[in-house]
Amino acid sequence: MLKQFFILCSGADTDILNDCSVGEQNKYAGIGATVFFTAVMATIAASYALYTVFDNLYTSIFFGLIWGLLIFNLDRYIVSTIKKRDHIIDEILQATPRLFLAVIIAVVISKPLELKIFEKEINQVLLEQKNDLTLANQNQIAEQFNPKIAELEQQIVNLQSQVETKETEVNALYNIYISEAEGTAGTNLLGKGPVYKEKRDKHDAALAELQQLKADNTSKIEAIEVQITSLQNDYTNNVTTSQPIIDNFDGLMARVTALDKLPWLPSFFIFLLFLAIETSPIIAKLLASKGEFDFRLQDQETTIQTWTMQKVAERQLLLKTDNDINNKVYTEIADEEAVINYKRKKARELMQFQADAFFNNQKNAL
């Protein structure tokens, strides 16, 4: 049962192969088994690759089976269309396009399995890339908000500087009127005279201005700080909103790109393994000597070909003979007097009919 299934997978003509030896049947059963297991590997590889895209097990398995059946059909077609020739060069030329197709199939099959085999290493590369993308994303968003925040912070510094400058001025006026009261500066007279009162009034006025300035600047600073807090919240929200996009940066294309950053030699050997598996049925047919099945198949094909060519030749000969006979018959009767007189009579009648029809048309027109 299993042997017949693998023979069916090889694409060989079972009617011919059943009359061949057991060894010949085993050879094609081995070729069919290679075709079948290549399709199984293609199904597994496609299912995993699609799972990274759809993130749904049943959908991935469904489309993976379709892909596996497609690969199975292609491999079966490739193997079944390679015929044994009398010269190895003819066989190689015949198999060259099929080998190119086998290389393409091997690449498609091996790549998803490479992604699975090197999954841990790929995850490490993706983690580094995600970290870099996170930092780059934060810097890009910060470039949108930092200039505004810096401008607002500078406004706060300027407002605080105004208060500090005013405080310095008030402190200086305080020292002046205290020194005047102590007699250590100004008029150098001890006591609170008119000069002292003038300087004290000036200080009190500056102190009132300072208090008003503090109140005004404090309200301005609070309003600016509210703006800064709002901008900082917007920055945090933008970072939080965009971070899931970076966290989900692990799709099929990202993994393939990450795989390319790993050392190429292990991936190359895996590709060679699948290339060997994919091309093994073709190479087996090329290396195998011409067997009983090939002779029987050639006999069947040449029999039909010869019979078809014979019928075509007979039809062509029949057509040529019939044409020659017709030419000879018409040539012989062309000179007979009866035929000439009959043709003359009919031609005269035809000319009369034409003359009458012309006359009637002209009469009706007038």
Protein backbone atom coordinates (compact mmCIF):
# COMPACT_ATOMS: atom_id res chain seq x y z
CA MET A 1 0.00 0.00 0.00
CA LEU A 2 2.72 2.45 1.04
CA LYS A 3 4.86 1.38 -1.90
CA GLN A 4 2.03 2.01 -4.36
CA PHE A 5 1.45 5.44 -2.81
CA PHE A 6 5.11 6.42 -3.24
CA ILE A 7 5.06 5.14 -6.82
CA LEU A 8 2.05 7.34 -7.42
CA CYS A 9 4.01 10.27 -5.94
CA SER A 10 6.85 9.64 -8.40
CA GLY A 11 4.56 10.32 -11.37
CA ALA A 12 5.53 7.06 -13.09
CA ASP A 13 3.09 5.22 -15.33
CA THR A 14 1.74 2.52 -13.00
CA ASP A 15 0.39 0.39 -15.86
CA ILE A 16 3.91 0.05 -17.25
CA LEU A 17 5.68 -0.13 -13.89
CA ASN A 18 3.49 -2.98 -12.63
CA ASP A 19 4.93 -5.19 -15.37
CA CYS A 20 8.51 -4.28 -14.40
CA SER A 21 10.81 -5.94 -11.88
CA VAL A 22 10.63 -5.33 -8.13
CA GLY A 23 13.92 -3.43 -8.21
CA GLU A 24 12.58 -1.02 -10.80
CA GLN A 25 9.45 -0.50 -8.73
CA ASN A 26 11.54 0.14 -5.60
CA LYS A 27 13.60 2.73 -7.48
CA TYR A 28 10.53 4.77 -8.36
CA ALA A 29 9.05 4.23 -4.90
CA GLY A 30 12.21 5.85 -3.47
CA ILE A 31 11.89 8.79 -5.86
CA GLY A 32 8.23 9.20 -4.91
CA ALA A 33 9.08 9.09 -1.19
CA THR A 34 11.56 11.94 -1.70
CA VAL A 35 8.90 13.97 -3.51
CA PHE A 36 6.38 13.30 -0.72
CA PHE A 37 8.65 14.19 2.19
CA THR A 38 9.83 17.32 0.39
CA ALA A 39 6.18 18.39 0.23
CA VAL A 40 5.81 17.60 3.95
CA MET A 41 8.79 19.83 4.76
CA ALA A 42 7.31 22.55 2.54
CA THR A 43 4.01 22.32 4.44
CA ILE A 44 5.78 22.68 7.80
CA ALA A 45 7.91 25.58 6.58
CA ALA A 46 4.99 27.43 5.01
CA SER A 47 2.79 26.91 8.09
CA TYR A 48 5.44 28.41 10.36
CA ALA A 49 6.08 31.33 8.00
CA LEU A 50 2.37 32.07 7.73
CA TYR A 51 1.95 31.75 11.50
CA THR A 52 4.40 34.63 11.95
CA VAL A 53 2.17 36.66 9.60
CA PHE A 54 -1.39 35.72 10.62
CA ASP A 55 -0.69 34.64 14.20
CA ASN A 56 -3.48 32.07 13.80
CA LEU A 57 -2.73 28.35 13.99
CA TYR A 58 -5.64 27.03 11.90
CA THR A 59 -5.25 29.61 9.15
CA SER A 60 -1.51 28.92 8.97
CA ILE A 61 -2.03 25.14 8.76
CA PHE A 62 -4.72 25.52 6.07
CA PHE A 63 -2.60 27.68 3.76
CA GLY A 64 0.49 25.62 4.64
CA LEU A 65 -1.27 22.49 3.34
CA ILE A 66 -2.19 24.31 0.13
CA TRP A 67 1.44 25.36 -0.32
CA GLY A 68 2.63 21.81 0.40
CA LEU A 69 0.26 20.40 -2.23
CA LEU A 70 1.53 22.97 -4.72
CA ILE A 71 5.15 21.96 -4.08
CA PHE A 72 4.17 18.28 -4.28
CA ASN A 73 2.52 18.83 -7.65
CA LEU A 74 5.52 20.79 -8.98
CA ASP A 75 8.05 18.19 -7.81
CA ARG A 76 5.94 15.35 -9.20
CA TYR A 77 5.68 17.16 -12.52
CA ILE A 78 9.42 17.85 -12.62
CA VAL A 79 10.35 14.23 -11.94
CA SER A 80 7.74 12.71 -14.26
CA THR A 81 8.74 14.87 -17.24
CA ILE A 82 12.41 13.85 -17.17
CA LYS A 83 12.88 11.06 -19.70
CA LYS A 84 15.97 8.90 -20.10
CA ARG A 85 17.85 9.68 -23.30
CA ASP A 86 20.55 7.92 -25.25
CA HIS A 87 23.09 10.65 -24.40
CA ILE A 88 23.76 12.13 -20.95
CA ILE A 89 24.16 15.62 -22.46
CA ASP A 90 20.59 15.52 -23.73
CA GLU A 91 19.39 14.50 -20.28
CA ILE A 92 21.32 17.33 -18.60
CA LEU A 93 19.94 19.90 -21.05
CA GLN A 94 16.47 18.52 -20.43
CA ALA A 95 16.90 18.73 -16.65
CA THR A 96 18.55 22.20 -16.51
CA PRO A 97 15.31 24.27 -16.36
CA ARG A 98 13.92 21.84 -13.81
CA LEU A 99 17.05 22.17 -11.69
CA PHE A 100 16.63 25.97 -11.65
CA LEU A 101 13.05 25.51 -10.50
CA ALA A 102 14.23 23.08 -7.82
CA VAL A 103 16.73 25.67 -6.56
CA ILE A 104 13.94 28.26 -6.24
CA ILE A 105 11.73 25.79 -4.37
CA ALA A 106 14.64 24.90 -2.05
CA VAL A 107 15.15 28.57 -1.17
CA VAL A 108 11.43 29.03 -0.44
CA ILE A 109 11.30 25.92 1.74
CA SER A 110 14.55 26.44 3.65
CA LYS A 111 14.07 30.08 4.63
CA PRO A 112 11.12 29.63 7.05
CA LEU A 113 12.81 26.66 8.69
CA GLU A 114 15.96 28.71 9.12
CA LEU A 115 13.84 31.30 10.90
CA LYS A 116 12.59 28.61 13.28
CA ILE A 117 15.99 26.96 13.84
CA PHE A 118 17.69 30.29 14.62
CA GLU A 119 14.68 31.71 16.46
CA LYS A 120 16.58 32.51 19.69
CA GLU A 121 19.39 34.28 17.86
CA ILE A 122 16.89 36.18 15.73
CA ASN A 123 14.98 37.24 18.86
CA GLN A 124 18.22 38.65 20.30
CA VAL A 125 18.85 40.65 17.12
CA LEU A 126 15.25 41.86 17.11
CA LEU A 127 15.55 42.90 20.78
CA GLU A 128 18.60 45.02 19.97
CA GLN A 129 16.82 46.52 16.99
CA LYS A 130 13.75 47.26 19.10
CA ASN A 131 15.90 48.99 21.71
CA ASP A 132 17.55 51.08 19.03
CA LEU A 133 14.17 51.90 17.51
CA THR A 134 12.80 52.82 20.95
CA LEU A 135 15.64 55.25 21.59
CA ALA A 136 15.40 56.67 18.09
CA ASN A 137 11.63 57.05 18.45
CA GLN A 138 11.99 58.82 21.80
CA ASN A 139 14.61 61.15 20.35
CA GLN A 140 12.49 61.95 17.31
CA ILE A 141 9.44 62.71 19.45
CA ALA A 142 11.59 64.70 21.86
CA GLU A 143 12.78 66.87 18.97
CA GLN A 144 9.17 67.96 18.54
CA PHE A 145 8.67 68.98 22.19
CA ASN A 146 12.11 69.85 23.62
CA PRO A 147 12.48 73.21 21.81
CA LYS A 148 9.09 74.35 23.11
CA ILE A 149 9.84 73.11 26.63
CA ALA A 150 13.26 74.75 26.60
CA GLU A 151 11.73 78.03 25.44
CA LEU A 152 9.17 77.93 28.26
CA GLU A 153 11.85 77.04 30.82
CA GLN A 154 13.90 80.00 29.61
CA GLN A 155 10.87 82.22 30.16
CA ILE A 156 10.68 80.94 33.76
CA VAL A 157 14.38 81.68 34.23
CA ASN A 158 13.85 85.20 32.88
CA LEU A 159 10.92 85.81 35.24
CA GLN A 160 12.92 84.49 38.19
CA SER A 161 15.84 86.66 37.12
CA GLN A 162 13.58 89.72 37.16
CA VAL A 163 12.57 88.92 40.74
CA GLU A 164 16.17 88.34 41.80
CA THR A 165 17.26 91.62 40.21
CA LYS A 166 14.46 93.46 41.98
CA GLU A 167 15.37 91.77 45.29
CA THR A 168 18.96 92.91 44.87
CA GLU A 169 17.74 96.44 44.24
CA VAL A 170 15.46 96.38 47.34
CA ASN A 171 18.25 94.97 49.51
CA ALA A 172 20.55 97.72 48.34
CA LEU A 173 17.95 100.39 49.24
CA TYR A 174 17.48 98.69 52.62
CA ASN A 175 21.21 98.90 53.34
CA ILE A 176 21.24 102.54 52.29
CA TYR A 177 18.48 103.71 54.65
CA ILE A 178 19.84 101.57 57.54
CA SER A 179 23.30 103.08 57.05
CA GLU A 180 21.72 106.53 57.02
CA ALA A 181 19.96 105.77 60.33
CA GLU A 182 23.18 104.50 61.89
CA GLY A 183 25.17 107.48 60.59
CA THR A 184 27.68 105.26 58.79
CA ALA A 185 26.91 106.56 55.30
CA GLY A 186 25.03 109.32 53.53
CA THR A 187 24.89 112.43 55.87
CA ASN A 188 26.81 110.52 58.56
CA LEU A 189 24.32 111.85 61.13
CA LEU A 190 22.94 109.40 63.66
CA GLY A 191 19.15 109.27 63.78
CA LYS A 192 16.13 109.22 61.54
CA GLY A 193 16.07 112.55 59.83
CA PRO A 194 14.48 113.78 56.60
CA VAL A 195 17.09 112.03 54.44
CA TYR A 196 16.46 108.78 56.26
CA LYS A 197 12.71 109.16 55.67
CA GLU A 198 13.26 109.85 51.98
CA LYS A 199 15.45 106.77 51.57
CA ARG A 200 13.07 104.66 53.64
CA ASP A 201 10.13 105.70 51.45
CA LYS A 202 12.13 104.83 48.37
CA HIS A 203 12.88 101.39 49.81
CA ASP A 204 9.28 100.78 50.77
CA ALA A 205 8.12 101.70 47.30
CA ALA A 206 10.67 99.31 45.74
CA LEU A 207 9.62 96.61 48.24
CA ALA A 208 5.98 97.01 47.20
CA GLU A 209 7.03 96.74 43.56
CA LEU A 210 9.00 93.58 44.45
CA GLN A 211 6.01 92.00 46.11
CA GLN A 212 3.79 92.84 43.16
CA LEU A 213 6.45 91.54 40.76
CA LYS A 214 6.70 88.30 42.73
CA ALA A 215 2.95 87.85 42.63
CA ASP A 216 2.75 88.57 38.89
CA ASN A 217 5.75 86.42 37.97
CA THR A 218 4.57 83.59 40.23
CA SER A 219 1.24 83.43 38.37
CA LYS A 220 3.10 83.59 35.05
CA ILE A 221 5.50 80.84 36.12
CA GLU A 222 2.61 78.65 37.23
CA ALA A 223 0.89 79.12 33.85
CA ILE A 224 4.14 78.29 32.04
CA GLU A 225 4.68 75.24 34.24
CA VAL A 226 1.18 74.06 33.29
CA GLN A 227 2.18 74.35 29.63
CA ILE A 228 5.40 72.45 30.28
CA THR A 229 3.50 69.71 32.10
CA SER A 230 1.04 69.48 29.20
CA LEU A 231 3.87 69.19 26.69
CA GLN A 232 5.59 66.54 28.82
CA ASN A 233 2.32 64.60 29.02
CA ASP A 234 1.92 64.86 25.24
CA TYR A 235 5.46 63.56 24.82
CA THR A 236 4.76 60.63 27.16
CA ASN A 237 1.50 59.83 25.36
CA ASN A 238 3.18 59.87 21.95
CA VAL A 239 5.93 57.56 23.20
CA THR A 240 3.36 55.24 24.80
CA THR A 241 1.20 55.19 21.67
CA SER A 242 4.06 54.45 19.29
CA GLN A 243 5.78 51.87 21.50
CA PRO A 244 3.39 48.99 20.62
CA ILE A 245 4.33 49.44 16.96
CA ILE A 246 7.96 48.90 17.91
CA ASP A 247 7.09 46.00 20.22
CA ASN A 248 5.31 44.28 17.31
CA PHE A 249 8.33 44.68 15.05
CA ASP A 250 8.84 40.94 14.74
CA GLY A 251 6.99 40.03 11.54
CA LEU A 252 8.24 37.84 8.72
CA MET A 253 10.21 40.54 6.92
CA ALA A 254 11.80 41.74 10.17
CA ARG A 255 12.87 38.18 10.99
CA VAL A 256 14.29 37.61 7.52
CA THR A 257 16.26 40.86 7.83
CA ALA A 258 17.48 39.83 11.28
CA LEU A 259 18.51 36.44 9.90
CA ASP A 260 20.70 38.19 7.33
CA LYS A 261 22.62 39.83 10.18
CA LEU A 262 23.64 36.43 11.58
CA PRO A 263 26.66 34.49 10.24
CA TRP A 264 25.83 33.22 6.77
CA LEU A 265 27.56 29.83 6.93
CA PRO A 266 24.97 27.91 9.06
CA SER A 267 22.11 29.24 6.92
CA PHE A 268 24.03 28.31 3.79
CA PHE A 269 24.47 24.71 4.94
CA ILE A 270 20.75 24.45 5.74
CA PHE A 271 20.01 25.77 2.26
CA LEU A 272 22.37 23.18 0.78
CA LEU A 273 20.58 20.46 2.73
CA PHE A 274 17.19 21.40 1.31
CA LEU A 275 18.70 21.92 -2.13
CA ALA A 276 20.04 18.37 -1.97
CA ILE A 277 16.64 17.08 -0.85
CA GLU A 278 14.79 19.00 -3.55
CA THR A 279 17.13 18.04 -6.39
CA SER A 280 17.71 14.44 -5.25
CA PRO A 281 14.86 12.96 -7.35
CA ILE A 282 16.14 14.75 -10.45
CA ILE A 283 19.75 13.78 -9.80
CA ALA A 284 18.70 10.20 -9.05
CA LYS A 285 16.98 9.97 -12.44
CA LEU A 286 19.99 11.52 -14.17
CA LEU A 287 22.49 9.18 -12.51
CA ALA A 288 20.38 6.03 -12.84
CA SER A 289 20.99 3.86 -15.84
CA LYS A 290 18.26 3.27 -18.37
CA GLY A 291 16.03 0.65 -16.78
CA GLU A 292 13.25 -1.68 -17.75
CA PHE A 293 10.60 0.97 -17.16
CA ASP A 294 12.38 3.41 -19.47
CA PHE A 295 12.62 0.84 -22.26
CA ARG A 296 8.95 -0.09 -21.92
CA LEU A 297 7.95 3.57 -21.86
CA GLN A 298 10.11 4.28 -24.90
CA ASP A 299 8.58 1.32 -26.72
CA GLN A 300 5.07 2.54 -25.98
CA GLU A 301 5.84 6.12 -27.00
CA THR A 302 7.69 5.19 -30.17
CA THR A 303 4.91 2.78 -31.16
CA ILE A 304 2.32 5.52 -30.95
CA GLN A 305 4.68 8.00 -32.61
CA THR A 306 5.41 5.65 -35.51
CA TRP A 307 1.74 4.81 -36.02
CA THR A 308 0.78 8.48 -35.96
CA MET A 309 3.52 9.44 -38.44
CA GLN A 310 2.45 6.57 -40.71
CA LYS A 311 -1.17 7.75 -40.75
CA VAL A 312 -0.10 11.31 -41.46
CA ALA A 313 2.09 10.13 -44.34
CA GLU A 314 -0.75 8.05 -45.76
CA ARG A 315 -3.13 11.01 -45.63
CA GLN A 316 -0.59 13.23 -47.38
CA LEU A 317 0.00 10.58 -50.07
CA LEU A 318 -3.75 10.11 -50.52
CA LEU A 319 -4.23 13.84 -50.96
CA LYS A 320 -1.42 14.07 -53.49
CA THR A 321 -2.75 11.09 -55.47
CA ASP A 322 -6.29 12.46 -55.49
CA ASN A 323 -5.03 15.85 -56.75
CA ASP A 324 -3.05 14.19 -59.51
CA ILE A 325 -6.09 12.18 -60.61
CA ASN A 326 -8.33 15.23 -60.60
CA ASN A 327 -5.82 17.21 -62.65
CA LYS A 328 -5.55 14.40 -65.18
CA VAL A 329 -9.34 13.99 -65.47
CA TYR A 330 -9.97 17.72 -65.97
CA THR A 331 -7.13 17.94 -68.46
CA GLU A 332 -8.60 15.11 -70.57
CA ILE A 333 -12.18 16.44 -70.66
CA ALA A 334 -11.05 20.01 -71.33
CA ASP A 335 -10.57 19.26 -75.07
CA GLU A 336 -13.88 17.41 -75.62
CA GLU A 337 -16.21 19.12 -78.18
CA ALA A 338 -19.39 18.34 -76.23
CA VAL A 339 -18.06 20.04 -73.13
CA ILE A 340 -17.00 23.08 -75.15
CA ASN A 341 -20.40 23.40 -76.85
CA TYR A 342 -22.21 23.02 -73.53
CA LYS A 343 -20.03 25.72 -71.92
CA ARG A 344 -20.65 27.97 -74.99
CA LYS A 345 -24.42 27.48 -74.70
CA LYS A 346 -24.48 28.32 -70.98
CA ALA A 347 -22.22 31.35 -71.49
CA ARG A 348 -24.60 32.66 -74.22
CA GLU A 349 -27.59 32.25 -71.87
CA LEU A 350 -25.75 34.01 -69.04
CA MET A 351 -24.90 36.97 -71.29
CA GLN A 352 -28.55 37.21 -72.40
CA PHE A 353 -29.72 37.25 -68.77
CA GLN A 354 -27.21 40.01 -67.97
CA ALA A 355 -28.35 42.09 -70.97
CA ASP A 356 -32.02 41.72 -70.04
CA ALA A 357 -31.33 42.64 -66.39
CA PHE A 358 -29.38 45.76 -67.46
CA PHE A 359 -32.18 46.79 -69.82
CA ASN A 360 -34.85 46.42 -67.12
CA ASN A 361 -32.79 48.45 -64.61
CA GLN A 362 -32.28 51.28 -67.09
CA LYS A 363 -35.98 51.24 -68.06
CA ASN A 364 -37.09 51.46 -64.46
CA ALA A 365 -34.67 54.31 -63.83
CA LEU A 366 -36.18 56.33 -66.72
